């Protein structure tokens, strides 16, 4: 089983410097730009939280523990907006 499931009812639209994600059922939206957009790309393709965090740590010059904490907050926010479902790994 995947560690996250992306909601089926999402609409994504790319603008010049950001991507807007809209949940068609709840009408909630979230703007992804810069690092947030890259996080979205990585989490939707990674097999696990650890893999996603590892990819991002390799790409950015940051403390990996701080990045992992930021990634958890990001995932919780996406879950609250009903953009993803989180599953036990």
Protein backbone atom coordinates (compact mmCIF):
# COMPACT_ATOMS: atom_id res chain seq x y z
CA UNK A 1 0.00 0.00 0.00
CA UNK A 2 1.18 3.52 -0.76
CA UNK A 3 2.11 5.80 2.11
CA UNK A 4 -0.08 8.58 0.70
CA UNK A 5 -3.03 8.66 -1.66
CA UNK A 6 -3.72 11.82 -3.65
CA UNK A 7 -7.41 12.74 -3.67
CA UNK A 8 -9.13 11.99 -6.96
CA UNK A 9 -11.10 15.23 -6.91
CA UNK A 10 -8.15 17.61 -7.30
CA UNK A 11 -7.69 20.14 -10.02
CA UNK A 12 -4.20 21.57 -10.52
CA UNK A 13 -3.37 24.60 -12.60
CA UNK A 14 0.12 25.94 -13.24
CA UNK A 15 0.70 29.66 -13.41
CA UNK A 16 3.99 31.43 -14.12
CA UNK A 17 5.46 31.06 -10.64
CA UNK A 18 3.01 28.86 -8.77
CA UNK A 19 0.65 25.93 -9.04
CA UNK A 20 -2.81 26.09 -7.48
CA UNK A 21 -4.37 22.88 -6.19
CA UNK A 22 -8.16 22.90 -5.76
CA UNK A 23 -10.23 20.22 -4.05
CA UNK A 24 -13.42 20.21 -6.14
CA UNK A 25 -15.50 18.67 -3.34
CA UNK A 26 -14.52 21.04 -0.53
CA UNK A 27 -13.62 24.05 -2.73
CA UNK A 28 -10.46 24.50 -0.64
CA UNK A 29 -7.35 25.53 -2.53
CA UNK A 30 -3.66 25.72 -1.80
CA UNK A 31 -0.93 27.54 -3.68
CA UNK A 32 2.31 25.65 -4.23
CA UNK A 33 5.39 27.62 -5.18
CA UNK A 34 9.11 27.05 -4.93
CA UNK A 35 9.96 24.46 -2.32
CA UNK A 36 6.31 23.54 -1.67
CA UNK A 37 5.84 22.60 -5.32
CA UNK A 38 9.00 20.49 -5.25
CA UNK A 39 7.81 18.80 -2.05
CA UNK A 40 4.51 17.94 -3.79
CA UNK A 41 6.36 16.49 -6.77
CA UNK A 42 8.57 14.37 -4.53
CA UNK A 43 5.89 13.07 -2.14
CA UNK A 44 3.61 12.05 -5.01
CA UNK A 45 6.41 9.96 -6.52
CA UNK A 46 8.25 8.62 -3.46
CA UNK A 47 7.58 5.18 -2.02
CA UNK A 48 7.84 6.39 1.59
CA UNK A 49 8.27 9.40 3.84
CA UNK A 50 11.92 8.48 4.35
CA UNK A 51 12.52 8.32 0.61
CA UNK A 52 10.85 11.71 0.07
CA UNK A 53 12.85 13.28 2.88
CA UNK A 54 16.07 11.76 1.52
CA UNK A 55 15.47 13.13 -1.96
CA UNK A 56 14.72 16.60 -0.63
CA UNK A 57 17.69 16.57 1.77
CA UNK A 58 19.96 15.73 -1.15
CA UNK A 59 18.56 18.61 -3.21
CA UNK A 60 18.57 21.39 -0.62
CA UNK A 61 21.34 22.68 1.60
CA UNK A 62 19.39 22.37 4.86
CA UNK A 63 19.53 20.46 8.11
CA UNK A 64 17.78 17.16 7.34
CA UNK A 65 15.98 17.03 10.69
CA UNK A 66 14.55 20.50 10.05
CA UNK A 67 13.51 19.44 6.55
CA UNK A 68 11.80 16.32 7.92
CA UNK A 69 9.87 18.46 10.41
CA UNK A 70 8.86 20.90 7.66
CA UNK A 71 7.81 18.01 5.44
CA UNK A 72 5.59 16.60 8.22
CA UNK A 73 3.91 20.00 8.64
CA UNK A 74 3.38 20.19 4.88
CA UNK A 75 1.82 16.72 4.81
CA UNK A 76 -0.45 17.55 7.75
CA UNK A 77 -1.61 20.71 5.95
CA UNK A 78 -2.32 18.79 2.73
CA UNK A 79 -4.23 16.21 4.75
CA UNK A 80 -6.26 18.93 6.51
CA UNK A 81 -7.21 20.35 3.11
CA UNK A 82 -8.22 16.81 2.05
CA UNK A 83 -5.69 16.77 -0.78
CA UNK A 84 -4.06 13.55 0.45
CA UNK A 85 -4.72 10.61 2.72
CA UNK A 86 -1.84 9.44 4.88
CA UNK A 87 -1.33 5.70 5.46
CA UNK A 88 0.80 3.81 7.94
CA UNK A 89 4.07 2.71 6.35
